[in-house]
Amino acid sequence: MNEFWSRRTCVILTGASKGIGQCLAVEIGKLLVPESTIVLMARDTNGLEKTKEMVNKENSDILVEYYSVDLYNSNATMFEKIFEPIDSTKYELFLLIHNAGSVGNLDHLAADMNDPDEWNKYMLLNLYSVTCLTSVFLSKFNSDTAERCIVNITSLLGIEPFKSVGYYCVGKASREMYFRVLALENPTLNILSYSPGPVLTDMYTNISLNSKDEVVREQFTNGQQKQYIVKVEDTCQKLVNTLAMRSYKTGGRVDYYDR
């Protein structure tokens, strides 16, 4: 077993009720040693329960907890309560994976994005909850002996503009810069922004059907694009392997298609 995954680990994973988050929980769960823990967060309780069952089916020697949370209305106190039962002395690795996110209002082109309330709602989920959860994570699990690793699930759209997906592009770019600053300020942290590639998730389908820009809709649905679609299991495996190999500089980004 790889050294990274051979330690007693506490994993915190957001957006864990479906899609990439659910698959990540299962793939990571397969690798965890006994007495490890996975803490799942999402809004959908039924989805979380299903994820827990899938993880425990693969590995019954780990503890799986889940919390139904609304990250649009999160605060430090909420995250502190979730972490309170965790005995931080038990673990050798703490792994926080920020997977939750939304695409935003696809009816707005950049010139139309003039509503502070719409902006605030979007950033509450896609940036503010991320920085708040990270802060509480670092404060709670502040050990001299255990490694602390943070994964930010990002996107090509964090570095490349796409029409009518302005909220999403800005949100992903903001998150990446936050983690670059965090890595610079905390060189002992292991921080990775991982872009999973074009996975056929609900978000991908939403953009392909509802983008205000016809060219973007065509880009997401044409036959040529379909050859680049990534299976969710493949991208999760790539992330697991990337973490194991540590073939990146902390604070950097890795894309599924990177060699």
C-alpha atoms as a PDB file:
ATOM      1  CA  MET A   1       0.000   0.000   0.000  1.00  0.00           C
ATOM      2  CA  ASN A   2       1.189   3.519  -0.788  1.00  0.00           C
ATOM      3  CA  GLU A   3       2.658   5.469   2.120  1.00  0.00           C
ATOM      4  CA  PHE A   4       0.132   8.301   1.783  1.00  0.00           C
ATOM      5  CA  TRP A   5      -2.841   5.985   2.271  1.00  0.00           C
ATOM      6  CA  SER A   6      -1.189   3.687   4.850  1.00  0.00           C
ATOM      7  CA  ARG A   7      -1.898   5.991   7.788  1.00  0.00           C
ATOM      8  CA  ARG A   8      -4.922   6.305  10.051  1.00  0.00           C
ATOM      9  CA  THR A   9      -6.812   9.011   8.226  1.00  0.00           C
ATOM     10  CA  CYS A  10      -9.700  11.340   8.922  1.00  0.00           C
ATOM     11  CA  VAL A  11     -11.355  12.468   5.672  1.00  0.00           C
ATOM     12  CA  ILE A  12     -13.829  15.351   5.470  1.00  0.00           C
ATOM     13  CA  LEU A  13     -15.653  15.487   2.132  1.00  0.00           C
ATOM     14  CA  THR A  14     -18.288  17.996   0.966  1.00  0.00           C
ATOM     15  CA  GLY A  15     -20.776  17.388  -1.825  1.00  0.00           C
ATOM     16  CA  ALA A  16     -20.720  13.704  -0.951  1.00  0.00           C
ATOM     17  CA  SER A  17     -24.286  12.672  -1.839  1.00  0.00           C
ATOM     18  CA  LYS A  18     -23.814  12.102  -5.595  1.00  0.00           C
ATOM     19  CA  GLY A  19     -21.494  12.365  -8.574  1.00  0.00           C
ATOM     20  CA  ILE A  20     -17.800  12.961  -8.052  1.00  0.00           C
ATOM     21  CA  GLY A  21     -18.182  13.335  -4.271  1.00  0.00           C
ATOM     22  CA  GLN A  22     -19.932   9.987  -3.888  1.00  0.00           C
ATOM     23  CA  CYS A  23     -17.405   8.216  -6.090  1.00  0.00           C
ATOM     24  CA  LEU A  24     -14.481   9.831  -4.259  1.00  0.00           C
ATOM     25  CA  ALA A  25     -15.837   8.612  -0.923  1.00  0.00           C
ATOM     26  CA  VAL A  26     -15.990   5.043  -2.244  1.00  0.00           C
ATOM     27  CA  GLU A  27     -12.575   5.073  -3.937  1.00  0.00           C
ATOM     28  CA  ILE A  28     -10.842   6.623  -0.929  1.00  0.00           C
ATOM     29  CA  GLY A  29     -12.739   4.368   1.446  1.00  0.00           C
ATOM     30  CA  LYS A  30     -11.276   1.299  -0.292  1.00  0.00           C
ATOM     31  CA  LEU A  31      -7.766   2.491   0.568  1.00  0.00           C
ATOM     32  CA  LEU A  32      -8.183   3.560   4.183  1.00  0.00           C
ATOM     33  CA  VAL A  33      -6.657   1.492   6.962  1.00  0.00           C
ATOM     34  CA  PRO A  34      -8.744   0.305   9.957  1.00  0.00           C
ATOM     35  CA  GLU A  35      -9.701   2.966  12.522  1.00  0.00           C
ATOM     36  CA  SER A  36      -9.863   5.616   9.820  1.00  0.00           C
ATOM     37  CA  THR A  37     -12.907   7.883   9.502  1.00  0.00           C
ATOM     38  CA  ILE A  38     -14.802   9.552   6.664  1.00  0.00           C
ATOM     39  CA  VAL A  39     -17.081  12.505   7.444  1.00  0.00           C
ATOM     40  CA  LEU A  40     -19.528  13.189   4.607  1.00  0.00           C
ATOM     41  CA  MET A  41     -21.386  16.477   4.091  1.00  0.00           C
ATOM     42  CA  ALA A  42     -24.165  17.434   1.674  1.00  0.00           C
ATOM     43  CA  ARG A  43     -27.784  18.587   1.770  1.00  0.00           C
ATOM     44  CA  ASP A  44     -29.389  15.351   0.531  1.00  0.00           C
ATOM     45  CA  THR A  45     -29.754  12.962   3.472  1.00  0.00           C
ATOM     46  CA  ASN A  46     -30.867  10.048   1.282  1.00  0.00           C
ATOM     47  CA  GLY A  47     -27.845  10.518  -0.967  1.00  0.00           C
ATOM     48  CA  LEU A  48     -25.534  10.657   2.038  1.00  0.00           C
ATOM     49  CA  GLU A  49     -27.025   7.452   3.437  1.00  0.00           C
ATOM     50  CA  LYS A  50     -26.481   5.749   0.086  1.00  0.00           C
ATOM     51  CA  THR A  51     -22.859   6.948  -0.019  1.00  0.00           C
ATOM     52  CA  LYS A  52     -22.279   5.622   3.478  1.00  0.00           C
ATOM     53  CA  GLU A  53     -23.672   2.204   2.505  1.00  0.00           C
ATOM     54  CA  MET A  54     -21.471   2.105  -0.610  1.00  0.00           C
ATOM     55  CA  VAL A  55     -18.342   2.986   1.386  1.00  0.00           C
ATOM     56  CA  ASN A  56     -19.018   0.460   4.138  1.00  0.00           C
ATOM     57  CA  LYS A  57     -19.724  -2.238   1.562  1.00  0.00           C
ATOM     58  CA  GLU A  58     -16.148  -1.749   0.297  1.00  0.00           C
ATOM     59  CA  ASN A  59     -14.551  -1.311   3.710  1.00  0.00           C
ATOM     60  CA  SER A  60     -16.318  -2.219   6.934  1.00  0.00           C
ATOM     61  CA  ASP A  61     -13.258  -1.421   9.073  1.00  0.00           C
ATOM     62  CA  ILE A  62     -13.675   2.352   8.882  1.00  0.00           C
ATOM     63  CA  LEU A  63     -16.154   4.724  10.495  1.00  0.00           C
ATOM     64  CA  VAL A  64     -18.437   6.672   8.155  1.00  0.00           C
ATOM     65  CA  GLU A  65     -20.385   9.631   9.544  1.00  0.00           C
ATOM     66  CA  TYR A  66     -22.580  12.015   7.594  1.00  0.00           C
ATOM     67  CA  TYR A  67     -24.152  15.406   8.196  1.00  0.00           C
ATOM     68  CA  SER A  68     -26.930  17.033   6.223  1.00  0.00           C
ATOM     69  CA  VAL A  69     -25.749  20.629   5.928  1.00  0.00           C
ATOM     70  CA  ASP A  70     -26.780  23.649   3.880  1.00  0.00           C
ATOM     71  CA  LEU A  71     -23.519  25.296   2.851  1.00  0.00           C
ATOM     72  CA  TYR A  72     -25.463  28.353   1.706  1.00  0.00           C
ATOM     73  CA  ASN A  73     -26.047  29.005   5.422  1.00  0.00           C
ATOM     74  CA  SER A  74     -22.834  27.777   7.003  1.00  0.00           C
ATOM     75  CA  ASN A  75     -20.730  29.337   9.732  1.00  0.00           C
ATOM     76  CA  ALA A  76     -17.774  28.443  11.924  1.00  0.00           C
ATOM     77  CA  THR A  77     -19.969  27.263  14.813  1.00  0.00           C
ATOM     78  CA  MET A  78     -21.719  24.714  12.579  1.00  0.00           C
ATOM     79  CA  PHE A  79     -18.421  23.214  11.424  1.00  0.00           C
ATOM     80  CA  GLU A  80     -16.980  23.248  14.955  1.00  0.00           C
ATOM     81  CA  LYS A  81     -19.945  21.156  16.150  1.00  0.00           C
ATOM     82  CA  ILE A  82     -19.385  18.632  13.355  1.00  0.00           C
ATOM     83  CA  PHE A  83     -15.695  18.299  14.247  1.00  0.00           C
ATOM     84  CA  GLU A  84     -16.207  18.292  18.026  1.00  0.00           C
ATOM     85  CA  PRO A  85     -16.637  14.486  18.421  1.00  0.00           C
ATOM     86  CA  ILE A  86     -13.463  13.748  16.412  1.00  0.00           C
ATOM     87  CA  ASP A  87     -10.490  12.729  18.549  1.00  0.00           C
ATOM     88  CA  SER A  88      -7.672  14.435  16.688  1.00  0.00           C
ATOM     89  CA  THR A  89      -5.001  12.425  18.531  1.00  0.00           C
ATOM     90  CA  LYS A  90      -6.078   9.198  16.773  1.00  0.00           C
ATOM     91  CA  TYR A  91      -5.078  10.155  13.248  1.00  0.00           C
ATOM     92  CA  GLU A  92      -1.875  10.538  11.264  1.00  0.00           C
ATOM     93  CA  LEU A  93      -3.443  12.286   8.268  1.00  0.00           C
ATOM     94  CA  PHE A  94      -6.282  14.794   8.016  1.00  0.00           C
ATOM     95  CA  LEU A  95      -7.699  15.165   4.508  1.00  0.00           C
ATOM     96  CA  LEU A  96     -10.238  17.866   3.627  1.00  0.00           C
ATOM     97  CA  ILE A  97     -11.814  17.699   0.157  1.00  0.00           C
ATOM     98  CA  HIS A  98     -13.876  20.656  -1.041  1.00  0.00           C
ATOM     99  CA  ASN A  99     -16.125  19.152  -3.705  1.00  0.00           C
ATOM    100  CA  ALA A 100     -19.453  20.951  -3.145  1.00  0.00           C
ATOM    101  CA  GLY A 101     -20.308  23.694  -5.596  1.00  0.00           C
ATOM    102  CA  SER A 102     -22.879  25.115  -8.004  1.00  0.00           C
ATOM    103  CA  VAL A 103     -22.787  26.548 -11.519  1.00  0.00           C
ATOM    104  CA  GLY A 104     -24.714  29.758 -10.850  1.00  0.00           C
ATOM    105  CA  ASN A 105     -27.247  31.645 -12.974  1.00  0.00           C
ATOM    106  CA  LEU A 106     -26.728  30.654 -16.624  1.00  0.00           C
ATOM    107  CA  ASP A 107     -29.135  33.352 -17.884  1.00  0.00           C
ATOM    108  CA  HIS A 108     -26.649  36.105 -17.044  1.00  0.00           C
ATOM    109  CA  LEU A 109     -23.833  37.161 -19.319  1.00  0.00           C
ATOM    110  CA  ALA A 110     -21.019  39.041 -17.560  1.00  0.00           C
ATOM    111  CA  ALA A 111     -22.571  42.413 -18.394  1.00  0.00           C
ATOM    112  CA  ASP A 112     -25.812  41.333 -16.671  1.00  0.00           C
ATOM    113  CA  MET A 113     -24.224  40.246 -13.377  1.00  0.00           C
ATOM    114  CA  ASN A 114     -25.318  43.336 -11.427  1.00  0.00           C
ATOM    115  CA  ASP A 115     -27.254  41.904  -8.476  1.00  0.00           C
ATOM    116  CA  PRO A 116     -25.255  41.895  -5.192  1.00  0.00           C
ATOM    117  CA  ASP A 117     -27.736  39.459  -3.630  1.00  0.00           C
ATOM    118  CA  GLU A 118     -27.228  36.981  -6.475  1.00  0.00           C
ATOM    119  CA  TRP A 119     -23.464  37.362  -6.159  1.00  0.00           C
ATOM    120  CA  ASN A 120     -23.581  36.950  -2.396  1.00  0.00           C
ATOM    121  CA  LYS A 121     -25.722  33.815  -2.586  1.00  0.00           C
ATOM    122  CA  TYR A 122     -23.376  32.276  -5.128  1.00  0.00           C
ATOM    123  CA  MET A 123     -20.210  33.088  -3.218  1.00  0.00           C
ATOM    124  CA  LEU A 124     -21.695  31.928   0.107  1.00  0.00           C
ATOM    125  CA  LEU A 125     -21.663  28.368  -1.195  1.00  0.00           C
ATOM    126  CA  ASN A 126     -18.754  28.448  -3.597  1.00  0.00           C
ATOM    127  CA  LEU A 127     -16.195  30.547  -1.710  1.00  0.00           C
ATOM    128  CA  TYR A 128     -17.220  31.677   1.769  1.00  0.00           C
ATOM    129  CA  SER A 129     -18.230  28.231   3.042  1.00  0.00           C
ATOM    130  CA  VAL A 130     -14.927  26.890   1.662  1.00  0.00           C
ATOM    131  CA  THR A 131     -12.765  29.442   3.481  1.00  0.00           C
ATOM    132  CA  CYS A 132     -14.794  29.049   6.689  1.00  0.00           C
ATOM    133  CA  LEU A 133     -14.596  25.234   6.683  1.00  0.00           C
ATOM    134  CA  THR A 134     -10.874  25.383   5.908  1.00  0.00           C
ATOM    135  CA  SER A 135     -10.253  27.772   8.793  1.00  0.00           C
ATOM    136  CA  VAL A 136     -12.099  25.551  11.283  1.00  0.00           C
ATOM    137  CA  PHE A 137     -10.347  22.440   9.901  1.00  0.00           C
ATOM    138  CA  LEU A 138      -6.902  23.988  10.396  1.00  0.00           C
ATOM    139  CA  SER A 139      -7.761  25.248  13.867  1.00  0.00           C
ATOM    140  CA  LYS A 140      -9.214  21.937  15.077  1.00  0.00           C
ATOM    141  CA  PHE A 141      -6.585  19.640  13.570  1.00  0.00           C
ATOM    142  CA  ASN A 142      -3.430  21.502  14.503  1.00  0.00           C
ATOM    143  CA  SER A 143      -1.000  18.689  15.215  1.00  0.00           C
ATOM    144  CA  ASP A 144       2.786  18.605  15.061  1.00  0.00           C
ATOM    145  CA  THR A 145       2.778  14.952  14.017  1.00  0.00           C
ATOM    146  CA  ALA A 146      -0.180  14.523  11.626  1.00  0.00           C
ATOM    147  CA  GLU A 147      -0.126  15.731   8.034  1.00  0.00           C
ATOM    148  CA  ARG A 148      -2.882  18.086   6.894  1.00  0.00           C
ATOM    149  CA  CYS A 149      -3.914  17.860   3.251  1.00  0.00           C
ATOM    150  CA  ILE A 150      -6.543  20.008   1.515  1.00  0.00           C
ATOM    151  CA  VAL A 151      -7.976  19.259  -1.943  1.00  0.00           C
ATOM    152  CA  ASN A 152      -9.925  21.893  -3.841  1.00  0.00           C
ATOM    153  CA  ILE A 153     -11.997  20.422  -6.671  1.00  0.00           C
ATOM    154  CA  THR A 154     -11.636  23.044  -9.391  1.00  0.00           C
ATOM    155  CA  SER A 155     -12.245  23.276 -13.133  1.00  0.00           C
ATOM    156  CA  LEU A 156     -10.696  24.342 -16.418  1.00  0.00           C
ATOM    157  CA  LEU A 157     -13.174  27.221 -16.180  1.00  0.00           C
ATOM    158  CA  GLY A 158     -11.170  28.576 -13.240  1.00  0.00           C
ATOM    159  CA  ILE A 159      -8.425  29.569 -15.693  1.00  0.00           C
ATOM    160  CA  GLU A 160     -10.320  29.775 -19.024  1.00  0.00           C
ATOM    161  CA  PRO A 161     -13.331  32.048 -19.601  1.00  0.00           C
ATOM    162  CA  PHE A 162     -16.549  30.575 -20.998  1.00  0.00           C
ATOM    163  CA  LYS A 163     -19.530  32.672 -22.055  1.00  0.00           C
ATOM    164  CA  SER A 164     -22.598  32.662 -19.740  1.00  0.00           C
ATOM    165  CA  VAL A 165     -20.777  30.718 -17.025  1.00  0.00           C
ATOM    166  CA  GLY A 166     -19.355  33.814 -15.357  1.00  0.00           C
ATOM    167  CA  TYR A 167     -20.367  33.006 -11.793  1.00  0.00           C
ATOM    168  CA  TYR A 168     -18.778  29.564 -12.027  1.00  0.00           C
ATOM    169  CA  CYS A 169     -15.575  30.900 -13.649  1.00  0.00           C
ATOM    170  CA  VAL A 170     -15.172  33.608 -11.004  1.00  0.00           C
ATOM    171  CA  GLY A 171     -15.977  31.217  -8.151  1.00  0.00           C
ATOM    172  CA  LYS A 172     -13.425  28.626  -9.265  1.00  0.00           C
ATOM    173  CA  ALA A 173     -10.748  31.256  -9.923  1.00  0.00           C
ATOM    174  CA  SER A 174     -11.347  32.788  -6.482  1.00  0.00           C
ATOM    175  CA  ARG A 175     -11.044  29.434  -4.764  1.00  0.00           C
ATOM    176  CA  GLU A 176      -7.801  28.605  -6.529  1.00  0.00           C
ATOM    177  CA  MET A 177      -6.238  31.937  -5.552  1.00  0.00           C
ATOM    178  CA  TYR A 178      -7.371  31.515  -1.942  1.00  0.00           C
ATOM    179  CA  PHE A 179      -5.594  28.166  -1.742  1.00  0.00           C
ATOM    180  CA  ARG A 180      -2.481  29.528  -3.431  1.00  0.00           C
ATOM    181  CA  VAL A 181      -2.278  32.235  -0.762  1.00  0.00           C
ATOM    182  CA  LEU A 182      -2.968  29.691   1.989  1.00  0.00           C
ATOM    183  CA  ALA A 183      -0.156  27.460   0.681  1.00  0.00           C
ATOM    184  CA  LEU A 184       2.250  30.391   0.520  1.00  0.00           C
ATOM    185  CA  GLU A 185       1.442  31.374   4.111  1.00  0.00           C
ATOM    186  CA  ASN A 186       1.557  27.766   5.380  1.00  0.00           C
ATOM    187  CA  PRO A 187       4.347  25.847   3.607  1.00  0.00           C
ATOM    188  CA  THR A 188       3.859  22.736   5.777  1.00  0.00           C
ATOM    189  CA  LEU A 189       0.337  22.201   4.427  1.00  0.00           C
ATOM    190  CA  ASN A 190      -0.267  19.834   1.492  1.00  0.00           C
ATOM    191  CA  ILE A 191      -2.679  21.708  -0.805  1.00  0.00           C
ATOM    192  CA  LEU A 192      -3.873  20.666  -4.260  1.00  0.00           C
ATOM    193  CA  SER A 193      -6.406  22.165  -6.678  1.00  0.00           C
ATOM    194  CA  TYR A 194      -7.592  19.255  -8.831  1.00  0.00           C
ATOM    195  CA  SER A 195      -9.535  19.712 -12.069  1.00  0.00           C
ATOM    196  CA  PRO A 196     -11.430  16.470 -12.780  1.00  0.00           C
ATOM    197  CA  GLY A 197     -11.989  17.129 -16.472  1.00  0.00           C
ATOM    198  CA  PRO A 198     -15.368  17.082 -18.260  1.00  0.00           C
ATOM    199  CA  VAL A 199     -17.284  14.530 -16.189  1.00  0.00           C
ATOM    200  CA  LEU A 200     -20.927  13.879 -17.090  1.00  0.00           C
ATOM    201  CA  THR A 201     -22.411  15.252 -13.859  1.00  0.00           C
ATOM    202  CA  ASP A 202     -25.674  17.142 -13.231  1.00  0.00           C
ATOM    203  CA  MET A 203     -23.671  20.375 -13.496  1.00  0.00           C
ATOM    204  CA  TYR A 204     -22.268  19.450 -16.915  1.00  0.00           C
ATOM    205  CA  THR A 205     -25.762  18.579 -18.172  1.00  0.00           C
ATOM    206  CA  ASN A 206     -27.147  21.847 -16.791  1.00  0.00           C
ATOM    207  CA  ILE A 207     -24.580  23.898 -18.723  1.00  0.00           C
ATOM    208  CA  SER A 208     -25.088  21.897 -21.929  1.00  0.00           C
ATOM    209  CA  LEU A 209     -28.873  22.425 -21.810  1.00  0.00           C
ATOM    210  CA  ASN A 210     -29.280  25.852 -20.230  1.00  0.00           C
ATOM    211  CA  SER A 211     -26.286  28.028 -21.095  1.00  0.00           C
ATOM    212  CA  LYS A 212     -27.485  31.329 -22.556  1.00  0.00           C
ATOM    213  CA  ASP A 213     -24.736  31.106 -25.169  1.00  0.00           C
ATOM    214  CA  GLU A 214     -25.511  28.852 -28.132  1.00  0.00           C
ATOM    215  CA  VAL A 215     -21.814  28.204 -28.855  1.00  0.00           C
ATOM    216  CA  VAL A 216     -21.240  26.938 -25.294  1.00  0.00           C
ATOM    217  CA  ARG A 217     -24.303  24.669 -25.515  1.00  0.00           C
ATOM    218  CA  GLU A 218     -22.915  23.278 -28.772  1.00  0.00           C
ATOM    219  CA  GLN A 219     -19.430  22.839 -27.270  1.00  0.00           C
ATOM    220  CA  PHE A 220     -20.828  20.787 -24.419  1.00  0.00           C
ATOM    221  CA  THR A 221     -23.036  18.549 -26.566  1.00  0.00           C
ATOM    222  CA  ASN A 222     -21.323  17.990 -29.925  1.00  0.00           C
ATOM    223  CA  GLY A 223     -19.929  14.619 -30.915  1.00  0.00           C
ATOM    224  CA  GLN A 224     -16.327  15.813 -30.873  1.00  0.00           C
ATOM    225  CA  GLN A 225     -16.640  16.846 -27.227  1.00  0.00           C
ATOM    226  CA  LYS A 226     -18.009  13.437 -26.242  1.00  0.00           C
ATOM    227  CA  GLN A 227     -14.636  11.799 -26.878  1.00  0.00           C
ATOM    228  CA  TYR A 228     -13.196  13.935 -24.060  1.00  0.00           C
ATOM    229  CA  ILE A 229     -15.863  12.993 -21.502  1.00  0.00           C
ATOM    230  CA  VAL A 230     -14.191  11.470 -18.438  1.00  0.00           C
ATOM    231  CA  LYS A 231     -15.688   8.587 -16.455  1.00  0.00           C
ATOM    232  CA  VAL A 232     -16.243   9.565 -12.844  1.00  0.00           C
ATOM    233  CA  GLU A 233     -14.351   6.483 -11.607  1.00  0.00           C
ATOM    234  CA  ASP A 234     -11.338   7.370 -13.772  1.00  0.00           C
ATOM    235  CA  THR A 235     -11.037  10.939 -12.521  1.00  0.00           C
ATOM    236  CA  CYS A 236     -11.409   9.839  -8.896  1.00  0.00           C
ATOM    237  CA  GLN A 237      -8.657   7.275  -9.438  1.00  0.00           C
ATOM    238  CA  LYS A 238      -6.428   9.957 -10.962  1.00  0.00           C
ATOM    239  CA  LEU A 239      -6.887  12.143  -7.871  1.00  0.00           C
ATOM    240  CA  VAL A 240      -6.180   9.250  -5.502  1.00  0.00           C
ATOM    241  CA  ASN A 241      -2.987   8.438  -7.436  1.00  0.00           C
ATOM    242  CA  THR A 242      -1.929  12.089  -7.637  1.00  0.00           C
ATOM    243  CA  LEU A 243      -2.170  12.424  -3.864  1.00  0.00           C
ATOM    244  CA  ALA A 244      -0.228   9.191  -3.410  1.00  0.00           C
ATOM    245  CA  MET A 245       2.569  10.268  -5.765  1.00  0.00           C
ATOM    246  CA  ARG A 246       2.670  13.867  -4.480  1.00  0.00           C
ATOM    247  CA  SER A 247       3.761  14.955  -7.957  1.00  0.00           C
ATOM    248  CA  TYR A 248       2.765  18.591  -7.488  1.00  0.00           C
ATOM    249  CA  LYS A 249       3.881  21.684  -5.638  1.00  0.00           C
ATOM    250  CA  THR A 250       1.645  22.586  -2.707  1.00  0.00           C
ATOM    251  CA  GLY A 251      -0.883  25.182  -3.785  1.00  0.00           C
ATOM    252  CA  GLY A 252      -0.628  24.068  -7.410  1.00  0.00           C
ATOM    253  CA  ARG A 253      -3.222  22.652  -9.789  1.00  0.00           C
ATOM    254  CA  VAL A 254      -3.397  19.308 -11.572  1.00  0.00           C
ATOM    255  CA  ASP A 255      -5.831  18.562 -14.413  1.00  0.00           C
ATOM    256  CA  TYR A 256      -7.121  15.098 -15.273  1.00  0.00           C
ATOM    257  CA  TYR A 257      -5.484  15.380 -18.703  1.00  0.00           C
ATOM    258  CA  ASP A 258      -2.073  16.405 -17.319  1.00  0.00           C
ATOM    259  CA  ARG A 259       0.606  13.792 -17.852  1.00  0.00           C
END
